[in-house]
N, C-alpha and C. Protein backbone atom coordinates (compact mmCIF):
# COMPACT_ATOMS: atom_id res chain seq x y z
N MET A 1 16.93 64.49 -7.58
CA MET A 1 16.75 63.32 -6.74
C MET A 1 15.38 63.33 -6.07
N LYS A 2 14.96 64.53 -5.60
CA LYS A 2 13.65 64.64 -4.97
C LYS A 2 12.55 64.32 -5.97
N GLN A 3 12.74 64.77 -7.22
CA GLN A 3 11.73 64.53 -8.24
C GLN A 3 11.63 63.03 -8.56
N LEU A 4 12.77 62.36 -8.59
CA LEU A 4 12.79 60.92 -8.85
C LEU A 4 12.07 60.17 -7.73
N PHE A 5 12.34 60.54 -6.48
CA PHE A 5 11.68 59.92 -5.34
C PHE A 5 10.18 60.16 -5.38
N ALA A 6 9.77 61.38 -5.71
CA ALA A 6 8.35 61.71 -5.81
C ALA A 6 7.68 60.92 -6.93
N ALA A 7 8.36 60.79 -8.06
CA ALA A 7 7.80 60.05 -9.20
C ALA A 7 7.63 58.57 -8.85
N ILE A 8 8.62 57.99 -8.19
CA ILE A 8 8.54 56.58 -7.80
C ILE A 8 7.41 56.38 -6.80
N SER A 9 7.26 57.32 -5.86
CA SER A 9 6.19 57.23 -4.87
C SER A 9 4.82 57.28 -5.53
N VAL A 10 4.65 58.17 -6.50
CA VAL A 10 3.37 58.29 -7.21
C VAL A 10 3.07 57.01 -8.00
N VAL A 11 4.08 56.47 -8.67
CA VAL A 11 3.89 55.24 -9.45
C VAL A 11 3.49 54.09 -8.52
N LEU A 12 4.17 53.95 -7.39
CA LEU A 12 3.84 52.89 -6.45
C LEU A 12 2.44 53.07 -5.87
N LEU A 13 2.09 54.30 -5.56
CA LEU A 13 0.77 54.59 -5.00
C LEU A 13 -0.32 54.25 -6.01
N LEU A 14 -0.15 54.64 -7.25
CA LEU A 14 -1.16 54.38 -8.26
C LEU A 14 -1.21 52.92 -8.68
N SER A 15 -0.08 52.24 -8.66
CA SER A 15 -0.09 50.83 -9.06
C SER A 15 -0.73 49.95 -7.98
N GLY A 16 -0.81 50.46 -6.78
CA GLY A 16 -1.44 49.72 -5.69
C GLY A 16 -2.96 49.78 -5.75
N CYS A 17 -3.49 50.72 -6.49
CA CYS A 17 -4.94 50.85 -6.61
C CYS A 17 -5.43 49.89 -7.69
N SER A 18 -6.57 49.30 -7.45
CA SER A 18 -7.12 48.35 -8.41
C SER A 18 -8.60 48.63 -8.58
N PRO A 19 -9.12 48.54 -9.79
CA PRO A 19 -10.54 48.78 -9.98
C PRO A 19 -11.40 47.65 -9.42
N ASN A 20 -10.83 46.47 -9.22
CA ASN A 20 -11.58 45.33 -8.68
C ASN A 20 -11.33 45.22 -7.18
N PRO A 21 -12.40 45.25 -6.38
CA PRO A 21 -12.20 45.09 -4.93
C PRO A 21 -11.76 43.66 -4.61
N PRO A 22 -11.08 43.46 -3.49
CA PRO A 22 -10.65 42.11 -3.13
C PRO A 22 -11.86 41.20 -2.91
N LYS A 23 -11.68 39.92 -3.18
CA LYS A 23 -12.76 38.97 -2.99
C LYS A 23 -13.06 38.80 -1.51
N THR A 24 -14.33 38.73 -1.19
CA THR A 24 -14.75 38.50 0.18
C THR A 24 -14.81 37.00 0.43
N VAL A 25 -14.22 36.59 1.53
CA VAL A 25 -14.25 35.18 1.90
C VAL A 25 -15.42 34.98 2.85
N TYR A 26 -16.34 34.12 2.47
CA TYR A 26 -17.49 33.83 3.31
C TYR A 26 -17.24 32.54 4.08
N PRO A 27 -17.59 32.52 5.35
CA PRO A 27 -17.36 31.31 6.13
C PRO A 27 -18.21 30.15 5.61
N GLN A 28 -17.65 28.97 5.69
CA GLN A 28 -18.34 27.76 5.27
C GLN A 28 -18.42 26.80 6.44
N LEU A 29 -19.53 26.12 6.55
CA LEU A 29 -19.63 25.07 7.56
C LEU A 29 -18.99 23.81 7.00
N ASN A 30 -18.34 23.09 7.86
CA ASN A 30 -17.68 21.84 7.47
C ASN A 30 -18.71 20.72 7.51
N ARG A 31 -19.50 20.61 6.45
CA ARG A 31 -20.57 19.60 6.38
C ARG A 31 -20.02 18.18 6.34
N GLU A 32 -18.79 18.03 5.90
CA GLU A 32 -18.20 16.70 5.80
C GLU A 32 -18.02 16.06 7.17
N ALA A 33 -17.86 16.88 8.22
CA ALA A 33 -17.59 16.37 9.56
C ALA A 33 -18.86 16.12 10.38
N GLU A 34 -20.03 16.26 9.77
CA GLU A 34 -21.28 16.06 10.50
C GLU A 34 -21.57 14.57 10.71
N PHE A 35 -22.37 14.29 11.75
CA PHE A 35 -22.80 12.92 12.04
C PHE A 35 -23.92 12.53 11.09
N ARG A 36 -23.91 11.28 10.69
CA ARG A 36 -25.02 10.70 9.93
C ARG A 36 -25.32 9.35 10.57
N GLY A 37 -26.53 9.19 11.04
CA GLY A 37 -26.92 7.94 11.69
C GLY A 37 -27.47 8.21 13.08
N GLY A 38 -28.10 7.21 13.64
CA GLY A 38 -28.72 7.37 14.96
C GLY A 38 -27.76 7.00 16.08
N LEU A 39 -27.69 7.87 17.07
CA LEU A 39 -26.86 7.63 18.25
C LEU A 39 -27.76 7.63 19.48
N SER A 40 -27.36 6.91 20.52
CA SER A 40 -28.14 6.92 21.76
C SER A 40 -28.03 8.27 22.47
N TRP A 41 -26.93 8.98 22.23
CA TRP A 41 -26.71 10.33 22.78
C TRP A 41 -25.77 11.04 21.84
N ASN A 42 -26.05 12.28 21.52
CA ASN A 42 -25.18 13.05 20.63
C ASN A 42 -24.10 13.74 21.45
N PRO A 43 -22.85 13.29 21.38
CA PRO A 43 -21.79 13.90 22.17
C PRO A 43 -21.62 15.39 21.92
N ARG A 44 -21.89 15.85 20.71
CA ARG A 44 -21.70 17.26 20.41
C ARG A 44 -22.74 18.14 21.09
N SER A 45 -23.73 17.54 21.74
CA SER A 45 -24.67 18.34 22.53
C SER A 45 -24.07 18.67 23.89
N GLY A 46 -22.95 18.02 24.22
CA GLY A 46 -22.26 18.29 25.48
C GLY A 46 -21.18 19.34 25.29
N ARG A 47 -20.26 19.39 26.24
CA ARG A 47 -19.14 20.34 26.17
C ARG A 47 -17.82 19.57 26.07
N VAL A 48 -16.80 20.24 25.56
CA VAL A 48 -15.50 19.59 25.36
C VAL A 48 -14.79 19.38 26.69
N ILE A 49 -14.29 18.17 26.88
CA ILE A 49 -13.45 17.87 28.04
C ILE A 49 -11.99 17.96 27.63
N THR A 50 -11.62 17.29 26.56
CA THR A 50 -10.25 17.34 26.04
C THR A 50 -10.25 16.87 24.59
N SER A 51 -9.10 16.97 23.96
CA SER A 51 -8.96 16.48 22.58
C SER A 51 -7.52 16.03 22.37
N TRP A 52 -7.32 15.21 21.34
CA TRP A 52 -5.97 14.75 21.03
C TRP A 52 -5.88 14.38 19.56
N ILE A 53 -4.63 14.39 19.07
CA ILE A 53 -4.32 14.00 17.70
C ILE A 53 -3.78 12.57 17.75
N ASN A 54 -4.29 11.72 16.90
CA ASN A 54 -3.86 10.32 16.85
C ASN A 54 -2.90 10.11 15.69
N PRO A 55 -1.94 9.20 15.83
CA PRO A 55 -1.13 8.84 14.67
C PRO A 55 -2.04 8.21 13.62
N GLY A 56 -1.72 8.39 12.38
CA GLY A 56 -2.55 7.81 11.33
C GLY A 56 -3.57 8.77 10.76
N GLY A 57 -3.45 10.05 11.08
CA GLY A 57 -4.29 11.05 10.45
C GLY A 57 -5.70 11.18 10.99
N THR A 58 -5.89 10.94 12.29
CA THR A 58 -7.20 11.17 12.89
C THR A 58 -7.07 12.09 14.09
N MET A 59 -8.18 12.67 14.48
CA MET A 59 -8.23 13.54 15.66
C MET A 59 -9.47 13.16 16.47
N THR A 60 -9.37 13.26 17.79
CA THR A 60 -10.46 12.87 18.67
C THR A 60 -10.78 14.01 19.62
N THR A 61 -12.07 14.22 19.84
CA THR A 61 -12.54 15.17 20.84
C THR A 61 -13.42 14.42 21.82
N LEU A 62 -13.14 14.58 23.11
CA LEU A 62 -13.93 13.94 24.16
C LEU A 62 -14.90 14.97 24.71
N TYR A 63 -16.18 14.68 24.57
CA TYR A 63 -17.25 15.55 25.06
C TYR A 63 -17.86 14.92 26.30
N GLY A 64 -18.55 15.73 27.09
CA GLY A 64 -19.27 15.21 28.24
C GLY A 64 -20.52 16.01 28.51
N ASP A 65 -21.48 15.38 29.19
CA ASP A 65 -22.65 16.15 29.62
C ASP A 65 -22.22 17.04 30.79
N ASP A 66 -23.12 17.85 31.30
CA ASP A 66 -22.75 18.81 32.36
C ASP A 66 -22.15 18.11 33.58
N THR A 67 -22.72 16.99 33.97
CA THR A 67 -22.21 16.26 35.13
C THR A 67 -20.77 15.82 34.90
N ALA A 68 -20.49 15.25 33.74
CA ALA A 68 -19.15 14.76 33.42
C ALA A 68 -18.14 15.91 33.32
N VAL A 69 -18.52 17.00 32.67
CA VAL A 69 -17.60 18.13 32.49
C VAL A 69 -17.27 18.76 33.83
N ASN A 70 -18.27 19.00 34.65
CA ASN A 70 -18.02 19.60 35.97
C ASN A 70 -17.13 18.70 36.82
N TYR A 71 -17.35 17.39 36.76
CA TYR A 71 -16.52 16.47 37.52
C TYR A 71 -15.09 16.45 36.98
N ALA A 72 -14.94 16.38 35.66
CA ALA A 72 -13.61 16.30 35.05
C ALA A 72 -12.78 17.54 35.34
N ARG A 73 -13.41 18.69 35.44
CA ARG A 73 -12.67 19.93 35.69
C ARG A 73 -12.27 20.11 37.14
N SER A 74 -12.84 19.32 38.04
CA SER A 74 -12.49 19.47 39.45
C SER A 74 -11.85 18.21 40.05
N HIS A 75 -11.81 17.11 39.30
CA HIS A 75 -11.22 15.86 39.78
C HIS A 75 -10.36 15.25 38.68
N ALA A 76 -9.34 14.51 39.08
CA ALA A 76 -8.46 13.87 38.10
C ALA A 76 -8.47 12.35 38.23
N ASP A 77 -9.40 11.82 39.03
CA ASP A 77 -9.36 10.38 39.29
C ASP A 77 -10.18 9.53 38.32
N GLY A 78 -11.03 10.13 37.52
CA GLY A 78 -11.81 9.37 36.54
C GLY A 78 -12.98 8.61 37.13
N ALA A 79 -13.28 8.82 38.42
CA ALA A 79 -14.40 8.13 39.07
C ALA A 79 -15.66 8.99 38.94
N TYR A 80 -16.18 9.08 37.74
CA TYR A 80 -17.33 9.93 37.46
C TYR A 80 -18.56 9.47 38.23
N PRO A 81 -19.45 10.40 38.57
CA PRO A 81 -20.71 10.00 39.20
C PRO A 81 -21.52 9.09 38.27
N ALA A 82 -22.26 8.18 38.84
CA ALA A 82 -23.07 7.25 38.03
C ALA A 82 -24.00 8.04 37.11
N GLY A 83 -24.05 7.62 35.87
CA GLY A 83 -24.92 8.27 34.89
C GLY A 83 -24.27 9.36 34.08
N ALA A 84 -23.06 9.80 34.45
CA ALA A 84 -22.36 10.83 33.67
C ALA A 84 -22.03 10.27 32.29
N LYS A 85 -22.28 11.07 31.25
CA LYS A 85 -22.07 10.60 29.88
C LYS A 85 -20.85 11.27 29.27
N LEU A 86 -20.02 10.45 28.62
CA LEU A 86 -18.87 10.94 27.87
C LEU A 86 -18.96 10.37 26.46
N GLY A 87 -18.55 11.16 25.50
CA GLY A 87 -18.56 10.71 24.11
C GLY A 87 -17.29 11.13 23.40
N ALA A 88 -16.61 10.18 22.79
CA ALA A 88 -15.39 10.46 22.03
C ALA A 88 -15.72 10.37 20.55
N VAL A 89 -15.51 11.48 19.85
CA VAL A 89 -15.75 11.52 18.41
C VAL A 89 -14.39 11.57 17.72
N THR A 90 -14.15 10.61 16.83
CA THR A 90 -12.89 10.54 16.09
C THR A 90 -13.17 10.84 14.63
N TRP A 91 -12.46 11.83 14.11
CA TRP A 91 -12.59 12.23 12.71
C TRP A 91 -11.30 11.92 11.97
N LYS A 92 -11.42 11.67 10.68
CA LYS A 92 -10.25 11.68 9.82
C LYS A 92 -9.87 13.14 9.64
N GLN A 93 -8.61 13.41 9.33
CA GLN A 93 -8.16 14.79 9.15
C GLN A 93 -8.06 15.14 7.68
N GLN A 94 -8.19 16.44 7.40
CA GLN A 94 -7.98 16.96 6.06
C GLN A 94 -7.27 18.31 6.17
N GLU A 95 -6.63 18.71 5.09
CA GLU A 95 -5.97 20.01 5.05
C GLU A 95 -7.02 21.11 5.12
N ASP A 96 -6.69 22.17 5.82
CA ASP A 96 -7.57 23.34 5.87
C ASP A 96 -7.18 24.26 4.72
N ALA A 97 -8.07 24.43 3.76
CA ALA A 97 -7.79 25.24 2.58
C ALA A 97 -7.63 26.72 2.93
N ARG A 98 -8.10 27.13 4.09
CA ARG A 98 -8.06 28.54 4.46
C ARG A 98 -6.90 28.90 5.37
N TRP A 99 -6.19 27.91 5.87
CA TRP A 99 -5.13 28.19 6.83
C TRP A 99 -3.96 27.28 6.52
N PHE A 100 -2.86 27.84 6.08
CA PHE A 100 -1.69 27.06 5.68
C PHE A 100 -1.21 26.19 6.83
N GLY A 101 -1.08 24.91 6.58
CA GLY A 101 -0.59 23.98 7.59
C GLY A 101 -1.64 23.50 8.56
N GLY A 102 -2.85 24.05 8.47
CA GLY A 102 -3.91 23.66 9.39
C GLY A 102 -4.55 22.34 9.00
N ARG A 103 -5.01 21.61 9.98
CA ARG A 103 -5.72 20.35 9.75
C ARG A 103 -7.07 20.46 10.44
N ILE A 104 -8.12 20.06 9.73
CA ILE A 104 -9.48 20.14 10.27
C ILE A 104 -10.14 18.77 10.13
N PRO A 105 -11.26 18.56 10.86
CA PRO A 105 -11.95 17.28 10.74
C PRO A 105 -12.50 17.04 9.34
N ALA A 106 -12.46 15.79 8.92
CA ALA A 106 -13.10 15.35 7.68
C ALA A 106 -14.26 14.44 8.08
N GLN A 107 -14.34 13.25 7.51
CA GLN A 107 -15.43 12.33 7.83
C GLN A 107 -15.28 11.78 9.25
N VAL A 108 -16.41 11.48 9.86
CA VAL A 108 -16.40 10.85 11.18
C VAL A 108 -15.94 9.40 11.01
N ALA A 109 -14.91 9.02 11.76
CA ALA A 109 -14.41 7.64 11.72
C ALA A 109 -15.16 6.77 12.72
N SER A 110 -15.39 7.31 13.93
CA SER A 110 -16.12 6.55 14.94
C SER A 110 -16.64 7.48 16.02
N VAL A 111 -17.65 7.01 16.72
CA VAL A 111 -18.19 7.70 17.90
C VAL A 111 -18.29 6.65 19.00
N GLU A 112 -17.73 6.98 20.17
CA GLU A 112 -17.79 6.08 21.32
C GLU A 112 -18.52 6.80 22.43
N ILE A 113 -19.45 6.11 23.06
CA ILE A 113 -20.21 6.69 24.16
C ILE A 113 -20.05 5.78 25.36
N VAL A 114 -19.68 6.37 26.49
CA VAL A 114 -19.56 5.60 27.73
C VAL A 114 -20.35 6.34 28.80
N VAL A 115 -21.12 5.57 29.55
CA VAL A 115 -21.89 6.11 30.67
C VAL A 115 -21.24 5.56 31.93
N ALA A 116 -20.89 6.46 32.86
CA ALA A 116 -20.25 6.02 34.11
C ALA A 116 -21.18 5.06 34.84
N GLY A 117 -20.68 3.88 35.14
CA GLY A 117 -21.49 2.86 35.79
C GLY A 117 -22.48 2.19 34.84
N GLY A 118 -22.30 2.43 33.54
CA GLY A 118 -23.24 1.88 32.56
C GLY A 118 -22.52 1.34 31.35
N PRO A 119 -23.21 1.29 30.23
CA PRO A 119 -22.65 0.64 29.04
C PRO A 119 -21.65 1.49 28.26
N TYR A 120 -20.90 0.79 27.41
CA TYR A 120 -20.00 1.40 26.43
C TYR A 120 -20.57 1.06 25.06
N GLU A 121 -20.67 2.07 24.19
CA GLU A 121 -21.18 1.86 22.84
C GLU A 121 -20.20 2.44 21.84
N LYS A 122 -20.10 1.78 20.69
CA LYS A 122 -19.24 2.28 19.62
C LYS A 122 -20.03 2.26 18.32
N TYR A 123 -19.88 3.33 17.54
CA TYR A 123 -20.55 3.47 16.26
C TYR A 123 -19.49 3.75 15.19
N GLU A 124 -19.64 3.13 14.04
CA GLU A 124 -18.72 3.35 12.93
C GLU A 124 -19.50 3.37 11.63
N GLY A 125 -18.84 3.82 10.57
CA GLY A 125 -19.42 3.79 9.24
C GLY A 125 -20.16 5.06 8.89
N SER A 126 -20.69 5.09 7.69
CA SER A 126 -21.47 6.23 7.23
C SER A 126 -22.67 5.70 6.47
N PRO A 127 -23.84 5.80 7.03
CA PRO A 127 -24.21 6.41 8.30
C PRO A 127 -23.70 5.57 9.49
N LEU A 128 -23.57 6.24 10.63
CA LEU A 128 -23.05 5.57 11.82
C LEU A 128 -23.98 4.44 12.23
N ALA A 129 -23.39 3.29 12.52
CA ALA A 129 -24.15 2.12 12.98
C ALA A 129 -23.42 1.52 14.17
N ALA A 130 -24.19 0.98 15.11
CA ALA A 130 -23.62 0.39 16.32
C ALA A 130 -22.73 -0.80 15.97
N VAL A 131 -21.59 -0.87 16.66
CA VAL A 131 -20.67 -2.01 16.52
C VAL A 131 -20.95 -2.93 17.71
N PRO A 132 -21.29 -4.19 17.45
CA PRO A 132 -21.60 -5.08 18.57
C PRO A 132 -20.38 -5.34 19.45
N GLY A 133 -20.65 -5.60 20.72
CA GLY A 133 -19.58 -5.91 21.66
C GLY A 133 -19.28 -4.74 22.57
N SER A 134 -18.45 -5.02 23.56
CA SER A 134 -18.08 -4.00 24.53
C SER A 134 -16.57 -4.05 24.73
N ASP A 135 -15.96 -2.90 24.93
CA ASP A 135 -14.52 -2.82 25.13
C ASP A 135 -14.26 -2.11 26.45
N ALA A 136 -14.18 -2.89 27.54
CA ALA A 136 -14.02 -2.32 28.87
C ALA A 136 -12.72 -1.54 29.00
N GLN A 137 -11.67 -2.00 28.31
CA GLN A 137 -10.38 -1.32 28.38
C GLN A 137 -10.47 0.07 27.74
N ARG A 138 -11.14 0.16 26.60
CA ARG A 138 -11.30 1.45 25.92
C ARG A 138 -12.20 2.36 26.75
N ALA A 139 -13.26 1.83 27.34
CA ALA A 139 -14.14 2.64 28.19
C ALA A 139 -13.36 3.21 29.35
N GLN A 140 -12.50 2.40 29.96
CA GLN A 140 -11.68 2.88 31.09
C GLN A 140 -10.70 3.95 30.63
N PHE A 141 -10.13 3.78 29.43
CA PHE A 141 -9.22 4.79 28.88
C PHE A 141 -9.94 6.13 28.74
N LEU A 142 -11.15 6.13 28.22
CA LEU A 142 -11.91 7.38 28.05
C LEU A 142 -12.24 8.01 29.40
N LEU A 143 -12.59 7.18 30.37
CA LEU A 143 -12.92 7.71 31.70
C LEU A 143 -11.69 8.28 32.42
N GLN A 144 -10.49 7.85 32.06
CA GLN A 144 -9.27 8.32 32.72
C GLN A 144 -8.69 9.60 32.10
N GLN A 145 -9.25 10.08 31.02
CA GLN A 145 -8.71 11.29 30.38
C GLN A 145 -8.95 12.50 31.28
N ARG A 146 -7.91 13.29 31.44
CA ARG A 146 -8.01 14.50 32.27
C ARG A 146 -8.53 15.65 31.43
N ALA A 147 -9.23 16.54 32.07
CA ALA A 147 -9.79 17.70 31.36
C ALA A 147 -8.67 18.64 30.94
N ALA A 148 -8.79 19.16 29.73
CA ALA A 148 -7.83 20.16 29.25
C ALA A 148 -8.06 21.46 30.01
N VAL A 149 -6.98 22.17 30.28
CA VAL A 149 -7.09 23.46 30.96
C VAL A 149 -7.46 24.50 29.91
N MET A 150 -8.59 25.14 30.11
CA MET A 150 -9.08 26.14 29.16
C MET A 150 -9.25 27.47 29.87
N PRO A 151 -8.98 28.54 29.14
CA PRO A 151 -9.13 29.87 29.77
C PRO A 151 -10.56 30.21 30.05
């Protein structure tokens, strides 16, 4: 019995060895999620305030400049100081090939920029182009988002 156990152990040990080393996975940048087009302010130059998943397969991240982020993390009223910039970037989602069940950004669907006490701008398409008009209700929605609690 001991010899049988030893023989099985040796077979398992040797069958686990392979002359080919495992493939190395190199990180890839998600180039599909990059901005293309001119914006009045690049939201990704700011810091994250919060994010959410939308029905319909999109995800949004709300960024802010230093003034907006500092205010959002210490106040919940949405009355940002004049000139504070917030930008909401909405991406379509795609499956993450490296993580089962994961969803990552795909193409940019829209970019919205709101300046406290100033204009609201929306960009869509590829390359991103300004959409004429203003949406005060959407601007107010973005200004009312509370900062996510981060460690």
